[in-house]
Protein backbone atom coordinates (compact mmCIF):
# COMPACT_ATOMS: atom_id res chain seq x y z
CA MET A 1 -71.53 8.50 21.42
CA LYS A 2 -69.20 11.11 23.98
CA ARG A 3 -69.10 8.56 25.91
CA VAL A 4 -66.90 6.45 23.37
CA LEU A 5 -64.90 9.56 21.50
CA THR A 6 -63.93 10.41 25.18
CA GLY A 7 -62.73 6.87 25.45
CA PHE A 8 -61.61 6.89 22.21
CA LEU A 9 -59.54 10.82 23.34
CA LEU A 10 -58.43 8.88 26.25
CA LEU A 11 -56.73 5.85 24.42
CA VAL A 12 -55.24 8.48 21.78
CA MET A 13 -53.66 11.40 24.92
CA ILE A 14 -52.19 8.09 26.14
CA GLY A 15 -50.41 6.56 23.76
CA LEU A 16 -49.42 9.85 22.33
CA TRP A 17 -48.44 10.47 26.61
CA MET A 18 -46.35 6.99 26.26
CA GLY A 19 -44.84 7.88 22.36
CA CYS A 20 -47.45 6.08 19.85
CA THR A 21 -49.90 7.32 17.76
CA GLY A 22 -52.91 5.85 15.38
CA GLU A 23 -56.18 5.71 14.85
CA PRO A 24 -58.25 2.48 15.53
CA ALA A 25 -59.69 0.54 12.69
CA THR A 26 -62.83 0.79 11.53
CA GLU A 27 -63.48 -2.90 9.78
CA ALA A 28 -64.43 -5.34 11.83
CA GLY A 29 -62.56 -8.31 12.44
CA GLN A 30 -59.11 -6.62 11.89
CA LYS A 31 -56.48 -6.24 14.38
CA THR A 32 -55.04 -2.58 14.89
CA LEU A 33 -50.88 -2.48 15.40
CA TYR A 34 -49.69 0.83 16.87
CA VAL A 35 -45.80 1.70 15.58
CA CYS A 36 -43.82 2.78 18.35
CA PRO A 37 -40.97 5.18 18.60
CA THR A 38 -38.53 2.56 19.15
CA GLY A 39 -39.51 0.77 15.93
CA GLU A 40 -41.61 -1.60 17.84
CA SER A 41 -45.37 -2.97 16.65
CA VAL A 42 -48.01 -2.97 19.77
CA THR A 43 -52.19 -3.31 19.54
CA ASN A 44 -52.33 -1.10 22.30
CA PRO A 45 -50.44 2.42 22.47
CA SER A 46 -50.10 1.53 26.44
CA LEU A 47 -47.61 -1.06 25.68
CA CYS A 48 -45.22 1.14 23.85
CA PRO A 49 -41.91 1.03 26.42
CA LYS A 50 -41.18 4.21 27.86
CA ALA A 51 -38.88 6.49 27.26
CA THR A 52 -35.17 6.45 28.64
CA SER A 53 -33.15 10.30 27.75
CA ALA A 54 -35.14 12.98 29.11
CA PRO A 55 -38.20 14.58 26.56
CA THR A 56 -37.67 16.60 23.76
CA THR A 57 -40.08 20.33 23.46
CA ALA A 58 -40.07 18.49 19.59
CA ALA A 59 -44.15 17.02 18.87
CA PRO A 60 -43.53 13.93 18.70
CA ALA A 61 -43.66 12.02 14.67
CA THR A 62 -46.99 10.81 13.70
CA ALA A 63 -47.50 7.79 11.85
CA ALA A 64 -50.44 5.48 10.73
CA PRO A 65 -52.07 2.56 12.02
CA MET A 66 -50.80 -0.45 10.08
CA THR A 67 -54.28 -2.79 9.80
CA THR A 68 -53.82 -5.68 9.26
CA SER A 69 -55.53 -9.76 9.61
CA ALA A 70 -52.42 -11.36 11.08
CA PRO A 71 -50.40 -9.25 13.61
CA THR A 72 -46.82 -8.11 12.21
CA THR A 73 -43.33 -7.25 13.62
CA SER A 74 -41.80 -3.96 11.92
CA PRO A 75 -38.31 -4.77 11.48
CA PRO A 76 -35.70 -3.12 13.63
CA ALA A 77 -34.60 0.42 12.29
CA THR A 78 -30.88 0.18 10.85
CA PRO A 79 -28.27 2.72 10.50
CA PRO A 80 -27.51 3.31 6.56
CA PRO A 81 -23.86 1.36 6.81
CA THR A 82 -21.41 3.43 6.67
CA THR A 83 -18.01 3.09 4.41
CA ALA A 84 -14.57 4.45 6.18
CA ALA A 85 -11.83 5.18 2.83
CA PRO A 86 -8.72 2.58 3.43
CA GLN A 87 -6.16 3.52 5.49
CA THR A 88 -3.14 3.17 4.22
CA THR A 89 0.12 3.24 5.93
CA ALA A 90 3.70 3.13 4.49
CA PRO A 91 5.47 -0.40 5.36
CA PRO A 92 7.92 0.71 8.12
CA THR A 93 11.73 2.08 6.83
CA THR A 94 14.75 0.14 7.75
CA ALA A 95 17.60 1.10 6.96
CA PRO A 96 19.74 -1.53 4.90
CA PRO A 97 22.73 -3.34 6.84
CA ALA A 98 26.00 -1.76 6.36
CA PRO A 99 28.20 -3.17 3.25
CA LYS A 100 31.20 -4.91 5.24
CA PRO A 101 34.14 -3.46 4.44
CA THR A 102 35.50 -4.79 1.22
CA LEU A 103 38.64 -5.68 4.27
CA GLU A 104 37.37 -7.20 7.44
CA ILE A 105 40.35 -8.22 10.59
CA VAL A 106 38.37 -11.59 11.49
CA GLU A 107 41.06 -12.19 14.06
CA LYS A 108 43.32 -11.24 16.38
CA THR A 109 45.75 -11.81 19.07
CA GLU A 110 47.28 -9.10 21.88
CA LEU A 111 50.59 -10.37 22.68
CA GLN A 112 53.81 -8.69 24.36
CA GLY A 113 56.83 -9.05 23.46
CA PRO A 114 60.11 -9.73 25.63
CA GLY A 115 60.57 -6.26 27.28
CA GLY A 116 56.61 -5.64 27.97
CA GLU A 117 56.24 -4.46 24.59
CA PHE A 118 52.40 -4.30 22.26
CA TRP A 119 52.10 -6.72 19.98
CA ILE A 120 49.25 -7.93 17.72
CA GLY A 121 49.25 -10.76 14.86
CA GLY A 122 45.86 -11.67 13.10
CA LYS A 123 44.02 -12.75 10.26
CA ILE A 124 42.08 -10.35 6.93
CA ARG A 125 39.47 -11.65 4.85
CA ASN A 126 38.39 -10.48 1.73
CA ASN A 127 34.92 -9.82 1.55
CA GLY A 128 34.66 -7.49 -2.18
CA ASP A 129 34.75 -9.65 -5.43
CA LYS A 130 38.05 -9.14 -6.51
CA GLU A 131 41.49 -9.83 -5.96
CA LEU A 132 43.51 -7.10 -3.58
CA PHE A 133 47.38 -6.53 -3.78
CA TYR A 134 50.29 -5.11 -1.08
CA VAL A 135 47.06 -5.83 2.34
CA GLN A 136 48.85 -4.66 4.59
CA ALA A 137 46.86 -3.87 8.82
CA SER A 138 47.75 -0.74 10.26
CA LEU A 139 48.19 -0.23 14.12
CA THR A 140 47.11 3.39 16.07
CA LEU A 141 47.47 2.76 19.69
CA PHE A 142 46.36 5.26 22.67
CA ASN A 143 46.93 6.11 25.50
CA LYS A 144 44.25 6.71 28.35
CA TYR A 145 43.68 9.97 27.50
CA GLY A 146 43.26 9.15 23.44
CA GLU A 147 46.16 10.87 22.53
CA VAL A 148 48.21 8.59 19.83
CA LEU A 149 50.82 6.71 20.88
CA ASP A 150 52.26 4.81 17.95
CA THR A 151 51.64 4.01 14.26
CA LYS A 152 52.20 1.13 12.75
CA LYS A 153 52.07 -1.04 9.99
CA SER A 154 51.96 -4.82 8.82
CA ALA A 155 54.67 -6.47 6.49
CA PRO A 156 52.08 -6.22 3.23
CA ILE A 157 50.52 -9.48 2.42
CA ASP A 158 50.59 -9.89 -1.91
CA SER A 159 47.46 -10.85 -2.51
CA ILE A 160 43.77 -12.46 -1.35
CA ALA A 161 41.56 -14.42 -3.55
CA PRO A 162 37.84 -12.87 -3.27
CA GLY A 163 36.00 -14.75 -0.10
CA ALA A 164 39.80 -15.32 0.98
CA THR A 165 41.68 -15.28 4.88
CA ALA A 166 45.39 -14.59 4.80
CA GLU A 167 47.61 -14.07 8.31
CA PHE A 168 49.57 -10.60 8.80
CA ASN A 169 52.19 -10.48 10.27
CA VAL A 170 52.99 -9.17 13.90
CA ILE A 171 52.52 -5.82 14.35
CA LYS A 172 55.44 -4.56 16.26
CA SER A 173 55.15 -1.42 18.92
CA ASN A 174 57.84 0.14 20.43
CA ILE A 175 54.97 1.41 23.70
CA LEU A 176 54.85 -0.36 26.97
CA ALA A 177 51.83 -2.83 27.22
CA VAL A 178 50.85 -1.28 29.78
CA ASN A 179 51.01 2.30 29.07
CA VAL A 180 48.40 1.52 25.45
CA ALA A 181 44.44 1.93 27.31
CA SER A 182 42.63 1.20 23.92
CA TYR A 183 43.97 0.82 19.13
CA ASN A 184 42.63 1.11 16.32
CA LEU A 185 43.72 -2.02 13.91
CA THR A 186 42.64 -2.04 10.04
CA ALA A 187 43.19 -3.11 6.86
CA GLN A 188 43.65 -1.86 3.04
CA ALA A 189 45.28 -2.68 -0.24
CA GLY A 190 47.46 -0.92 -2.20
CA GLN A 191 47.15 0.42 -5.59
């Protein structure tokens, strides 16, 4: 009896050292399965895989052996499902396209007068939804220092229908083209 008890204690101690616990079944014909800390069921505690992490000082968990007449396996432990709050992202903000000006210079032709003066001609389009009257092109000439050299306006166009284009008369400046570094050409309607 002492020898059986010593063997049993040795098996239990090996099981505890290996991370398994349990007691053998006492009924004949039944198999004892030991549940390892990994959730795996084994017939012998020495078959439990050794823990790969550093040993802890906490007491090992104890579990009763599963006694069954046919071998079974425990399902692996699965962590509870986690539900993350849905993330909402604001749609990218883009500025709406800048509206087209009601009047737009759609064509321009730089010319030189007989004495080398800067002249310009072109076409104006009405992008609006109403007919515009007394439409003129305005020209401002600048030198290389950004200083205004001259300002001129074209002869007025009587009217331009919505979506229509009209040619404006050549604007003739007395400033020599070689002195013009840049210019600004705009269109406006009268009242």
